Amino acid sequence: MENQSNEAPVAAAAAAEVSSTTQPVEPTKRSLRVQTWKKIQEGKVGIGFNGIFNRIPAFVDADKAAALLTQEEEFKKAQHIKVTIDRALHDFKEQSLLANKSVYLPSTRDSSALCLKVEVPADATDEQKKESLRVQDIQKFRSEIGLDSKLKLDMVVIGSVVVSRDGYRIGRGNGFADLDIGLLIELGAITPETAIVTIVHDVQVVDTLPVNLFQKYDSPVDIIVTPTEVIRVSKRLPRPNGVFWELLSERRLKILPVLQQLKEQLEKSGKTITLKEEDTDVEQHQNSRRRRGPLRRRFQRGNPGRTTSQTDNEQQGENTQKRAPRRKGRFVNRRRRTNKSEGDQSGVEVGAKSEDRKFNEAGAGERRPKRKNRPPRDFCVKLSNLTRDIRVKDLKTELRKRECNPLAITWKGHFGKCFLHFGNRNGGPSTQEDVDKVLKSLNDLSLTITTGGGESAPAAGAEEPPAENANAPVQTKTINLNVELLKFGAKKNEGSASNAGEEGGDNNANANANANSSPVNGATAAAGGEASGASRVESVDTTTV
């Protein structure tokens, strides 16, 4: 039995060796991509763990490759340059703007524009030009170029995964780069004088690629730029003569509105366009659900979310098997329960807004159920005239002396105020007698604090005191606080009143605050800036008394 078990692996290895010699595996575009991505990862020339596989890889010394391209005669003569949005081409886009070139970027997926032009002021500084490329709002520093713009490009720079010295190029696999170049050729934006350039790392360049892998819609390149050399293709390969509508499905046109608009224009002019009847395109990220889980599961081998081109599907043929559906995650992202403060344990939980937080998992859109032991809050008392020297523990100490026990405290000491939340701990609504009892306990409320001598730490949000003030004499001062009663829902009403506008809004805010509040100790009702501060109570943390 032992001999048979040892002979089995040897026989399997021999059979595999024979099969590999008799039937060599022909390379595909997908296998060449994976081989190149592994070379980039093993050579440690890629940038970022997530910036290599299944995309146009970002690589080190991309700025050196961009600098080499800017020294070429084609770049110096070019005025209108279109660059794809690959990360490896970001340095070239910056240097093109600094050289006062007109830079064009691909349009958004839902736009019907041909491309977007980067608009910068004529007197813009170098830093402002760089900032124009980093903005997230496409409406800023961008202008749409329509199909009827008659744009003529002098140079088109695209990214690649692997490229041969004779001009053949393999992209990431979704076919959008080739489709974009075909669209530009269809509209006349790319002419025979337009140079198609790619910027890659040296490990991405090979001597030759199998010619049978490339179809009529694959776009070749004329110039290959690496951080160490500039490679010019000796014999230019034929380019696509436009858009091949018979290879596009109706769904692909819905993804790219610019193609749908061009199709309608051509049909109006009398051209007959026939689309592909069977939709065989495999788009990127078929599973539209949000990706979660650790990286080892997200980027595991055979991830069904990778991009696949139509060419890859045709080469795989009938041997292609359906991938198994991704297993549902076993671990749920549970939020940690809030803890009680380490100071006074009065049974009040921390986090006033925790009840409004929502689930992000299977129960999306449902509110987190309220805890059964949380008493309702019926009214609130606002304390103002707080200084930066006052800390929350000073207020708690004074409240204990006065036998005033709020359910929670919302501390806004850096704004000079705080809020005391009250309610009936027995579960019933608070009565007017309870309100009067709280206001009576807070009558003539004042805090006595000690400053100087380096004994007390600075207040939250305050700067560290200078070293020369560390030996300052100890001083004791008393601060009188303004007490104001806010009825249930008055905080939101104050916020809406303050947002009504600066001109003429003060009167409305005063009227609304007076209707829902009762000033104590001669304090006036909140208005203007105080009202806007009160409206932000819900976004701060609370602390127990």
Protein backbone atom coordinates (compact mmCIF):
# COMPACT_ATOMS: atom_id res chain seq x y z
CA MET A 1 0.00 0.00 0.00
CA GLU A 2 2.81 2.41 0.83
CA ASN A 3 4.53 1.80 -2.50
CA GLN A 4 1.32 2.41 -4.39
CA SER A 5 0.73 5.70 -2.59
CA ASN A 6 4.24 6.85 -3.42
CA GLU A 7 3.97 5.85 -7.06
CA ALA A 8 0.73 7.79 -7.63
CA PRO A 9 2.24 11.31 -7.40
CA VAL A 10 5.14 10.27 -9.63
CA ALA A 11 2.79 8.95 -12.30
CA ALA A 12 0.68 12.11 -12.14
CA ALA A 13 3.79 14.29 -12.49
CA ALA A 14 4.97 12.23 -15.46
CA ALA A 15 1.58 12.48 -17.15
CA ALA A 16 1.56 16.23 -16.60
CA GLU A 17 5.04 16.48 -18.10
CA VAL A 18 4.03 14.51 -21.15
CA SER A 19 0.90 16.57 -21.65
CA SER A 20 2.86 19.80 -21.32
CA THR A 21 5.33 18.71 -23.96
CA THR A 22 2.85 17.24 -26.39
CA GLN A 23 0.12 19.88 -25.97
CA PRO A 24 1.64 23.22 -25.02
CA VAL A 25 -0.76 25.71 -23.49
CA GLU A 26 -1.28 28.68 -25.77
CA PRO A 27 -1.06 32.06 -24.04
CA THR A 28 -4.14 34.21 -23.78
CA LYS A 29 -4.52 37.88 -23.02
CA ARG A 30 -5.61 37.02 -19.52
CA SER A 31 -2.59 34.81 -18.86
CA LEU A 32 -0.25 37.50 -20.16
CA ARG A 33 -1.89 40.06 -17.90
CA VAL A 34 -1.55 37.87 -14.83
CA GLN A 35 2.05 37.08 -15.71
CA THR A 36 2.87 40.78 -15.99
CA TRP A 37 1.07 41.68 -12.75
CA LYS A 38 3.05 39.00 -10.92
CA LYS A 39 6.30 40.34 -12.38
CA ILE A 40 5.43 43.81 -11.11
CA GLN A 41 4.57 42.46 -7.68
CA GLU A 42 7.65 40.24 -7.38
CA GLY A 43 9.91 43.01 -8.65
CA LYS A 44 8.38 45.42 -6.10
CA VAL A 45 7.96 48.12 -8.72
CA GLY A 46 4.19 48.59 -8.22
CA ILE A 47 2.56 51.20 -6.01
CA GLY A 48 0.00 49.98 -3.52
CA PHE A 49 -1.25 46.49 -2.82
CA ASN A 50 -4.55 47.23 -4.58
CA GLY A 51 -2.95 49.11 -7.49
CA ILE A 52 -1.53 46.19 -9.45
CA PHE A 53 -3.91 43.34 -10.23
CA ASN A 54 -7.00 43.73 -12.43
CA ARG A 55 -6.16 47.27 -13.44
CA ILE A 56 -3.61 49.45 -15.21
CA PRO A 57 -0.79 49.19 -12.65
CA ALA A 58 0.76 52.22 -11.01
CA PHE A 59 4.54 51.91 -10.86
CA VAL A 60 7.56 53.64 -9.38
CA ASP A 61 9.49 56.24 -11.36
CA ALA A 62 6.42 57.14 -13.39
CA ASP A 63 7.54 60.77 -13.10
CA LYS A 64 10.81 59.90 -14.83
CA ALA A 65 8.93 58.32 -17.72
CA ALA A 66 6.73 61.40 -17.97
CA ALA A 67 9.81 63.64 -18.03
CA LEU A 68 11.30 61.60 -20.88
CA LEU A 69 8.12 62.00 -22.93
CA THR A 70 8.06 65.77 -22.43
CA GLN A 71 11.51 65.97 -24.03
CA GLU A 72 10.37 64.32 -27.26
CA GLU A 73 9.66 66.32 -30.38
CA GLU A 74 6.10 64.98 -30.65
CA PHE A 75 5.25 66.44 -27.26
CA LYS A 76 6.84 69.80 -27.98
CA LYS A 77 4.81 70.19 -31.17
CA ALA A 78 1.56 68.91 -29.67
CA GLN A 79 -0.99 71.35 -28.31
CA HIS A 80 -4.07 69.18 -27.71
CA ILE A 81 -3.30 66.06 -25.65
CA LYS A 82 -5.81 63.52 -24.35
CA VAL A 83 -4.78 61.40 -21.36
CA THR A 84 -6.66 58.55 -19.69
CA ILE A 85 -7.35 58.63 -15.98
CA ASP A 86 -4.91 55.87 -15.02
CA ARG A 87 -2.87 56.61 -11.92
CA ALA A 88 0.39 55.86 -13.72
CA LEU A 89 -0.27 58.86 -16.03
CA HIS A 90 -0.93 61.44 -13.32
CA ASP A 91 2.62 62.84 -13.42
CA PHE A 92 2.41 63.28 -17.19
CA LYS A 93 -0.87 65.19 -16.88
CA GLU A 94 0.71 67.57 -14.38
CA GLN A 95 3.75 68.18 -16.56
CA SER A 96 1.53 68.75 -19.59
CA LEU A 97 -0.41 71.46 -17.75
CA LEU A 98 2.81 73.06 -16.54
CA ALA A 99 3.95 73.14 -20.19
CA ASN A 100 0.76 75.08 -21.09
CA LYS A 101 -0.72 72.24 -23.13
CA SER A 102 -4.47 71.71 -23.54
CA VAL A 103 -5.21 68.54 -21.58
CA TYR A 104 -8.35 66.48 -22.20
CA LEU A 105 -9.66 63.75 -19.92
CA PRO A 106 -12.27 61.02 -20.50
CA SER A 107 -15.83 62.03 -19.72
CA THR A 108 -17.82 60.48 -16.94
CA ARG A 109 -19.69 57.25 -17.55
CA ASP A 110 -23.12 58.90 -17.53
CA SER A 111 -22.12 61.90 -19.67
CA SER A 112 -22.88 62.32 -23.35
CA ALA A 113 -19.75 64.47 -23.89
CA LEU A 114 -16.84 63.25 -25.97
CA CYS A 115 -14.27 64.26 -23.34
CA LEU A 116 -13.57 66.86 -20.66
CA LYS A 117 -11.11 69.71 -21.07
CA VAL A 118 -9.12 70.86 -18.05
CA GLU A 119 -9.71 74.58 -17.75
CA VAL A 120 -7.25 76.62 -15.70
CA PRO A 121 -6.94 80.41 -15.53
CA ALA A 122 -4.28 81.98 -17.70
CA ASP A 123 -2.55 83.48 -14.65
CA ALA A 124 -2.78 80.30 -12.56
CA THR A 125 0.28 79.27 -10.59
CA ASP A 126 1.90 75.85 -10.86
CA GLU A 127 0.26 74.74 -7.63
CA GLN A 128 -3.17 75.84 -8.87
CA LYS A 129 -2.64 73.87 -12.09
CA LYS A 130 -1.81 70.75 -10.10
CA GLU A 131 -4.82 71.32 -7.89
CA SER A 132 -7.08 71.42 -10.95
CA LEU A 133 -6.30 67.74 -11.54
CA ARG A 134 -7.00 66.69 -7.95
CA VAL A 135 -10.48 68.13 -7.62
CA GLN A 136 -13.35 65.68 -7.11
CA ASP A 137 -16.05 67.99 -8.45
CA ILE A 138 -16.02 67.59 -12.23
CA GLN A 139 -17.87 70.87 -12.60
CA LYS A 140 -14.79 72.68 -11.33
CA PHE A 141 -11.92 73.23 -13.80
CA ARG A 142 -13.73 71.11 -16.40
CA SER A 143 -15.64 71.88 -19.58
CA GLU A 144 -17.45 69.32 -21.73
CA ILE A 145 -16.41 68.78 -25.34
CA GLY A 146 -19.37 67.63 -27.44
CA LEU A 147 -19.53 65.39 -30.49
CA ASP A 148 -19.78 68.38 -32.82
CA SER A 149 -16.71 70.18 -31.47
CA LYS A 150 -14.44 69.23 -34.42
CA LEU A 151 -11.60 68.55 -31.98
CA LYS A 152 -8.25 67.50 -33.44
CA LEU A 153 -5.88 65.75 -31.05
CA ASP A 154 -2.12 65.86 -31.52
CA MET A 155 -1.32 63.14 -28.99
CA VAL A 156 -3.23 60.45 -27.07
CA VAL A 157 -1.58 58.89 -24.02
CA ILE A 158 -3.04 55.66 -22.63
CA GLY A 159 -2.06 53.12 -20.00
CA SER A 160 -1.23 49.48 -20.65
CA VAL A 161 -0.68 46.23 -18.80
CA VAL A 162 1.76 44.69 -21.28
CA VAL A 163 3.08 46.03 -24.58
CA SER A 164 5.45 44.68 -27.21
CA ARG A 165 8.22 46.55 -28.95
CA ASP A 166 6.45 46.16 -32.28
CA GLY A 167 3.40 48.11 -31.03
CA TYR A 168 0.89 45.54 -29.81
CA ARG A 169 -0.83 46.50 -26.58
CA ILE A 170 -2.91 44.64 -23.97
CA GLY A 171 -4.98 46.69 -21.54
CA ARG A 172 -6.83 45.77 -18.39
CA GLY A 173 -9.48 43.80 -20.26
CA ASN A 174 -12.71 45.79 -20.22
CA GLY A 175 -12.25 47.22 -23.72
CA PHE A 176 -13.09 50.83 -22.87
CA ALA A 177 -9.71 52.22 -23.98
CA ASP A 178 -9.99 50.59 -27.41
CA LEU A 179 -13.59 51.71 -27.70
CA ASP A 180 -12.63 55.27 -26.79
CA ILE A 181 -9.93 55.37 -29.45
CA GLY A 182 -12.34 53.91 -32.01
CA LEU A 183 -14.87 56.61 -31.11
CA LEU A 184 -12.25 59.37 -31.52
CA ILE A 185 -11.25 57.93 -34.91
CA GLU A 186 -14.92 57.75 -35.95
CA LEU A 187 -15.37 61.46 -35.19
CA GLY A 188 -12.06 62.51 -36.75
CA ALA A 189 -10.46 63.62 -33.49
CA ILE A 190 -7.62 61.12 -34.07
CA THR A 191 -5.97 61.56 -37.44
CA PRO A 192 -3.02 59.72 -39.03
CA GLU A 193 -0.81 62.49 -37.65
CA THR A 194 -1.96 61.83 -34.06
CA ALA A 195 0.62 59.96 -31.98
CA ILE A 196 -0.70 57.21 -29.70
CA VAL A 197 1.67 56.83 -26.75
CA THR A 198 1.73 54.53 -23.72
CA ILE A 199 3.69 54.98 -20.49
CA VAL A 200 4.68 51.73 -18.75
CA HIS A 201 7.42 50.26 -16.60
CA ASP A 202 10.31 48.35 -18.15
CA VAL A 203 8.98 45.00 -16.86
CA GLN A 204 5.78 45.57 -18.83
CA VAL A 205 7.63 45.64 -22.16
CA VAL A 206 8.20 42.37 -24.06
CA ASP A 207 9.83 41.72 -27.38
CA THR A 208 6.83 40.13 -29.12
CA LEU A 209 3.24 39.13 -28.46
CA PRO A 210 1.18 36.48 -30.29
CA VAL A 211 -0.42 38.21 -33.25
CA ASN A 212 -3.44 35.89 -33.25
CA LEU A 213 -4.60 37.35 -29.95
CA PHE A 214 -5.46 40.73 -31.46
CA GLN A 215 -8.62 41.67 -33.28
CA LYS A 216 -9.54 44.50 -35.60
CA TYR A 217 -10.78 46.67 -32.72
CA ASP A 218 -7.51 46.46 -30.70
CA SER A 219 -5.59 49.75 -30.76
CA PRO A 220 -1.80 49.60 -31.24
CA VAL A 221 0.66 52.23 -30.02
CA ASP A 222 3.29 54.27 -31.82
CA ILE A 223 5.59 55.23 -28.94
CA ILE A 224 6.41 53.34 -25.73
CA VAL A 225 7.92 55.33 -22.87
CA THR A 226 9.49 53.74 -19.79
CA PRO A 227 11.52 55.32 -16.98
CA THR A 228 14.72 54.38 -18.80
CA GLU A 229 14.02 54.59 -22.54
CA VAL A 230 11.76 55.76 -25.35
CA ILE A 231 10.81 53.02 -27.81
CA ARG A 232 9.54 54.03 -31.25
CA VAL A 233 7.66 51.44 -33.27
CA SER A 234 9.53 51.03 -36.54
CA LYS A 235 6.45 50.05 -38.56
CA ARG A 236 3.11 51.49 -37.51
CA LEU A 237 0.41 48.87 -37.10
CA PRO A 238 -3.06 49.44 -38.61
CA ARG A 239 -5.49 51.24 -36.34
CA PRO A 240 -9.24 50.64 -36.03
CA ASN A 241 -11.17 52.58 -38.62
CA GLY A 242 -13.91 53.57 -36.17
CA VAL A 243 -16.55 51.98 -33.98
CA PHE A 244 -17.54 48.41 -34.80
CA TRP A 245 -21.22 48.54 -33.99
CA GLU A 246 -21.80 44.87 -34.74
CA LEU A 247 -19.62 44.01 -31.71
CA LEU A 248 -21.54 46.23 -29.29
CA SER A 249 -24.66 45.23 -27.38
CA GLU A 250 -27.59 47.40 -26.43
CA ARG A 251 -26.48 47.26 -22.81
CA ARG A 252 -23.07 48.67 -23.66
CA LEU A 253 -24.72 51.66 -25.32
CA LYS A 254 -26.78 52.27 -22.18
CA ILE A 255 -23.58 52.31 -20.15
CA LEU A 256 -21.99 54.89 -22.49
CA PRO A 257 -24.55 57.56 -23.46
CA VAL A 258 -22.07 59.15 -25.87
CA LEU A 259 -22.28 56.01 -28.05
CA GLN A 260 -26.06 56.12 -27.99
CA GLN A 261 -26.00 59.77 -29.06
CA LEU A 262 -23.56 59.04 -31.90
CA LYS A 263 -25.72 56.12 -33.03
CA GLU A 264 -28.78 58.35 -33.21
CA GLN A 265 -26.89 60.98 -35.22
CA LEU A 266 -25.65 58.39 -37.72
CA GLU A 267 -29.12 56.88 -38.11
CA LYS A 268 -30.59 60.32 -38.79
CA SER A 269 -28.03 60.80 -41.55
CA GLY A 270 -29.25 57.58 -43.22
CA LYS A 271 -26.70 55.03 -41.99
CA THR A 272 -28.01 51.63 -40.94
CA ILE A 273 -26.52 50.36 -37.69
CA THR A 274 -26.98 46.80 -36.46
CA LEU A 275 -25.99 45.89 -32.93
CA LYS A 276 -24.99 42.52 -31.55
CA GLU A 277 -28.08 40.50 -30.74
CA GLU A 278 -26.60 38.29 -28.03
CA ASP A 279 -25.07 40.16 -25.11
CA THR A 280 -21.75 38.39 -24.38
CA ASP A 281 -19.93 41.33 -22.83
CA VAL A 282 -18.80 40.76 -19.29
CA GLU A 283 -18.66 44.11 -17.57
CA GLN A 284 -16.52 44.96 -14.60
CA HIS A 285 -17.90 44.40 -11.11
CA GLN A 286 -20.93 42.37 -12.09
CA ASN A 287 -21.87 41.99 -8.45
CA SER A 288 -23.01 45.51 -7.71
CA ARG A 289 -23.29 44.90 -4.00
CA ARG A 290 -20.85 46.67 -1.75
CA ARG A 291 -17.62 44.72 -1.26
CA ARG A 292 -16.90 43.89 2.34
CA GLY A 293 -14.65 41.60 4.27
CA PRO A 294 -10.88 41.32 4.72
CA LEU A 295 -8.52 41.66 1.80
CA ARG A 296 -7.61 37.98 1.82
CA ARG A 297 -11.21 37.16 0.88
CA ARG A 298 -11.78 40.13 -1.40
CA PHE A 299 -8.77 39.43 -3.61
CA GLN A 300 -8.71 35.66 -3.38
CA ARG A 301 -7.89 33.54 -6.40
CA GLY A 302 -10.79 33.24 -8.81
CA ASN A 303 -12.52 36.37 -7.59
CA PRO A 304 -15.71 36.66 -9.72
CA GLY A 305 -15.52 40.45 -9.54
CA ARG A 306 -12.53 40.76 -11.88
CA THR A 307 -12.87 42.31 -15.30
CA THR A 308 -13.04 40.14 -18.40
CA SER A 309 -13.07 41.18 -22.02
CA GLN A 310 -14.94 39.62 -24.89
CA THR A 311 -11.65 38.39 -26.37
CA ASP A 312 -10.87 36.41 -23.23
CA ASN A 313 -14.25 34.71 -23.37
CA GLU A 314 -13.80 33.71 -26.98
CA GLN A 315 -10.35 32.23 -26.28
CA GLN A 316 -11.54 30.22 -23.30
CA GLY A 317 -14.34 28.70 -25.36
CA GLU A 318 -16.36 25.80 -24.11
CA ASN A 319 -13.93 24.99 -21.27
CA THR A 320 -15.14 28.02 -19.35
CA GLN A 321 -17.10 27.04 -16.25
CA LYS A 322 -19.44 29.16 -14.22
CA ARG A 323 -17.89 30.44 -11.05
CA ALA A 324 -19.36 29.42 -7.75
CA PRO A 325 -21.31 32.19 -6.04
CA ARG A 326 -19.42 34.01 -3.34
CA ARG A 327 -20.15 32.69 0.13
CA LYS A 328 -21.99 35.04 2.40
CA GLY A 329 -19.78 36.57 5.06
CA ARG A 330 -19.88 34.79 8.37
CA PHE A 331 -18.90 37.78 10.45
CA VAL A 332 -21.19 40.74 10.90
CA ASN A 333 -19.76 44.15 11.58
CA ARG A 334 -21.25 44.73 15.00
CA ARG A 335 -20.95 48.08 16.68
CA ARG A 336 -19.36 48.03 20.11
CA ARG A 337 -21.70 48.83 22.94
CA THR A 338 -21.24 52.13 24.67
CA ASN A 339 -19.71 52.03 28.14
CA LYS A 340 -20.49 54.01 31.21
CA SER A 341 -18.11 56.74 32.17
CA GLU A 342 -15.38 55.81 34.61
CA GLY A 343 -16.32 58.68 36.91
CA ASP A 344 -19.69 58.75 38.62
CA GLN A 345 -21.75 55.63 37.97
CA SER A 346 -25.29 56.99 37.94
CA GLY A 347 -26.69 54.48 35.48
CA VAL A 348 -26.81 56.89 32.50
CA GLU A 349 -25.48 55.50 29.23
CA VAL A 350 -23.15 57.51 27.02
CA GLY A 351 -24.00 58.65 23.49
CA ALA A 352 -27.13 60.70 23.03
CA LYS A 353 -27.33 60.04 19.33
CA SER A 354 -26.77 56.29 19.46
CA GLU A 355 -30.50 55.71 19.14
CA ASP A 356 -30.49 57.41 15.74
CA ARG A 357 -27.67 55.36 14.31
CA LYS A 358 -28.69 52.88 11.64
CA PHE A 359 -27.59 49.44 10.67
CA ASN A 360 -25.42 49.16 7.58
CA GLU A 361 -25.79 45.41 7.14
CA ALA A 362 -28.81 43.25 6.31
CA GLY A 363 -31.20 45.46 8.23
CA ALA A 364 -30.27 48.61 6.36
CA GLY A 365 -32.71 51.44 6.82
CA GLU A 366 -33.95 50.22 10.22
CA ARG A 367 -33.26 52.16 13.38
CA ARG A 368 -31.38 50.56 16.21
CA PRO A 369 -33.96 49.51 18.83
CA LYS A 370 -34.04 51.69 21.91
CA ARG A 371 -32.89 50.22 25.15
CA LYS A 372 -35.68 49.34 27.52
CA ASN A 373 -34.01 50.92 30.53
CA ARG A 374 -33.67 54.37 28.93
CA PRO A 375 -36.04 56.84 30.59
CA PRO A 376 -37.63 59.42 28.28
CA ARG A 377 -36.27 62.96 28.28
CA ASP A 378 -38.97 65.53 28.83
CA PHE A 379 -37.16 68.84 29.16
CA CYS A 380 -33.71 70.34 28.99
CA VAL A 381 -31.89 73.11 30.85
CA LYS A 382 -29.28 75.17 29.06
CA LEU A 383 -26.32 76.58 31.03
CA SER A 384 -24.38 79.39 29.41
CA ASN A 385 -21.60 81.81 30.34
CA LEU A 386 -19.14 78.92 30.74
CA THR A 387 -15.47 79.81 30.49
CA ARG A 388 -12.67 77.68 29.15
CA ASP A 389 -11.34 77.17 32.66
CA ILE A 390 -14.44 75.24 33.69
CA ARG A 391 -14.34 71.49 33.33
CA VAL A 392 -17.26 69.13 33.38
CA LYS A 393 -16.22 67.62 36.71
CA ASP A 394 -16.56 71.07 38.34
CA LEU A 395 -20.16 71.24 37.16
CA LYS A 396 -20.90 67.69 38.33
CA THR A 397 -19.56 68.46 41.78
CA GLU A 398 -21.80 71.51 42.11
CA LEU A 399 -24.85 69.61 40.83
CA ARG A 400 -24.36 66.90 43.47
CA LYS A 401 -24.25 69.51 46.18
CA ARG A 402 -27.56 70.92 44.94
CA GLU A 403 -29.07 67.41 44.61
CA CYS A 404 -29.71 67.98 40.93
CA ASN A 405 -29.43 64.71 38.99
CA PRO A 406 -29.95 65.06 35.22
CA LEU A 407 -30.21 62.02 33.00
CA ALA A 408 -27.30 63.18 30.84
CA ILE A 409 -25.12 66.18 30.16
CA THR A 410 -24.26 67.46 26.69
CA TRP A 411 -21.00 69.33 27.22
CA LYS A 412 -20.19 72.21 24.87
CA GLY A 413 -17.61 73.94 27.04
CA HIS A 414 -15.58 75.20 24.07
CA PHE A 415 -18.74 77.08 22.98
CA GLY A 416 -19.37 78.38 26.49
CA LYS A 417 -22.49 76.32 27.20
CA CYS A 418 -23.85 72.90 28.09
CA PHE A 419 -27.25 71.18 28.27
CA LEU A 420 -28.75 69.19 31.15
CA HIS A 421 -31.32 66.59 30.09
CA PHE A 422 -34.06 65.64 32.58
CA GLY A 423 -36.87 63.13 32.67
CA ASN A 424 -38.86 60.97 35.04
CA ARG A 425 -36.82 57.91 35.95
CA ASN A 426 -40.02 55.99 36.74
CA GLY A 427 -41.03 56.04 33.07
CA GLY A 428 -43.89 58.51 33.33
CA PRO A 429 -43.88 62.04 31.97
CA SER A 430 -42.40 64.82 34.06
CA THR A 431 -44.81 67.14 35.79
CA GLN A 432 -44.61 70.86 36.32
CA GLU A 433 -43.63 70.13 39.90
CA ASP A 434 -40.55 68.25 38.66
CA VAL A 435 -39.61 71.18 36.45
CA ASP A 436 -40.01 73.67 39.29
CA LYS A 437 -37.92 71.47 41.56
CA VAL A 438 -35.05 71.40 39.04
CA LEU A 439 -35.19 75.16 38.47
CA LYS A 440 -35.22 75.76 42.22
CA SER A 441 -32.11 73.64 42.69
CA LEU A 442 -30.34 75.57 39.91
CA ASN A 443 -31.27 78.98 41.28
CA ASP A 444 -28.25 81.33 41.58
CA LEU A 445 -25.99 78.67 40.07
CA SER A 446 -22.31 79.57 40.24
CA LEU A 447 -19.03 77.64 40.02
CA THR A 448 -15.89 78.34 42.00
CA ILE A 449 -12.72 77.28 40.20
CA THR A 450 -9.03 77.53 41.00
CA THR A 451 -6.54 78.61 38.35
CA GLY A 452 -2.78 79.09 38.27
CA GLY A 453 0.00 77.22 40.05
CA GLY A 454 0.08 74.52 37.37
CA GLU A 455 -2.36 72.38 39.38
CA SER A 456 -5.26 72.16 36.95
CA ALA A 457 -4.93 70.86 33.40
CA PRO A 458 -6.14 73.04 30.55
CA ALA A 459 -9.72 72.69 29.43
CA ALA A 460 -10.67 70.46 26.53
CA GLY A 461 -9.70 72.08 23.25
CA ALA A 462 -7.57 74.75 24.98
CA GLU A 463 -3.92 75.28 24.18
CA GLU A 464 -1.15 74.31 26.57
CA PRO A 465 -0.19 77.16 28.93
CA PRO A 466 3.22 78.77 28.46
CA ALA A 467 6.08 77.53 30.58
CA GLU A 468 6.49 80.92 32.31
CA ASN A 469 2.87 80.73 33.57
CA ALA A 470 3.42 77.37 35.26
CA ASN A 471 4.49 79.08 38.50
CA ALA A 472 1.73 81.68 38.42
CA PRO A 473 0.02 82.36 41.77
CA VAL A 474 -3.07 80.37 42.62
CA GLN A 475 -6.27 82.31 41.99
CA THR A 476 -9.84 81.46 42.91
CA LYS A 477 -12.74 82.96 41.02
CA THR A 478 -16.48 82.50 41.00
CA ILE A 479 -18.41 82.36 37.71
CA ASN A 480 -22.16 82.92 37.63
CA LEU A 481 -23.96 80.76 35.09
CA ASN A 482 -27.08 81.61 33.16
CA VAL A 483 -29.83 79.00 33.47
CA GLU A 484 -32.47 78.65 30.77
CA LEU A 485 -35.29 76.13 30.51
CA LEU A 486 -35.82 74.50 27.11
CA LYS A 487 -39.00 72.54 26.57
CA PHE A 488 -39.08 69.28 24.60
CA GLY A 489 -38.19 69.92 20.91
CA ALA A 490 -37.07 73.50 21.55
CA LYS A 491 -33.53 72.76 20.40
CA LYS A 492 -34.65 71.87 16.90
CA ASN A 493 -36.91 74.89 16.75
CA GLU A 494 -34.01 77.12 17.72
CA GLY A 495 -31.88 75.68 14.93
CA SER A 496 -34.58 76.26 12.32
CA ALA A 497 -35.03 79.82 13.51
CA SER A 498 -31.33 80.60 13.26
CA ASN A 499 -31.14 79.21 9.73
CA ALA A 500 -33.96 81.44 8.47
CA GLY A 501 -31.42 84.08 7.43
CA GLU A 502 -29.15 86.74 8.85
CA GLU A 503 -31.22 89.74 7.79
CA GLY A 504 -34.48 89.90 9.68
CA GLY A 505 -33.85 86.45 11.16
CA ASP A 506 -32.98 87.66 14.65
CA ASN A 507 -36.54 88.72 15.42
CA ASN A 508 -37.92 85.35 14.38
CA ALA A 509 -35.31 83.53 16.41
CA ASN A 510 -36.06 85.61 19.50
CA ALA A 511 -39.78 85.03 19.17
CA ASN A 512 -39.34 81.29 18.72
CA ALA A 513 -36.90 80.95 21.61
CA ASN A 514 -39.16 82.93 23.95
CA ALA A 515 -42.08 80.72 23.06
CA ASN A 516 -40.24 77.51 23.99
CA SER A 517 -37.87 78.57 26.76
CA SER A 518 -38.04 80.14 30.17
CA PRO A 519 -34.98 82.19 31.21
CA VAL A 520 -33.81 81.94 34.81
CA ASN A 521 -31.38 84.16 36.76
CA GLY A 522 -32.07 87.05 34.44
CA ALA A 523 -30.77 85.23 31.36
CA THR A 524 -32.18 86.14 27.95
CA ALA A 525 -33.57 83.63 25.45
CA ALA A 526 -31.19 82.23 22.88
CA ALA A 527 -31.13 83.92 19.47
CA GLY A 528 -28.82 84.36 16.49
CA GLY A 529 -25.55 82.50 17.03
CA GLU A 530 -26.78 80.88 20.27
CA ALA A 531 -29.68 79.33 18.41
CA SER A 532 -27.40 77.93 15.77
CA GLY A 533 -25.23 76.43 18.50
CA ALA A 534 -28.22 74.84 20.18
CA SER A 535 -29.23 73.17 16.94
CA ARG A 536 -25.95 71.26 16.95
CA VAL A 537 -26.61 69.54 20.26
CA GLU A 538 -27.54 66.27 18.59
CA SER A 539 -24.08 65.86 17.02
CA VAL A 540 -22.00 65.92 20.22
CA ASP A 541 -21.25 63.31 22.83
CA THR A 542 -22.86 63.25 26.26
CA THR A 543 -21.37 62.40 29.61
CA THR A 544 -23.04 60.97 32.68
CA VAL A 545 -23.54 62.82 35.90
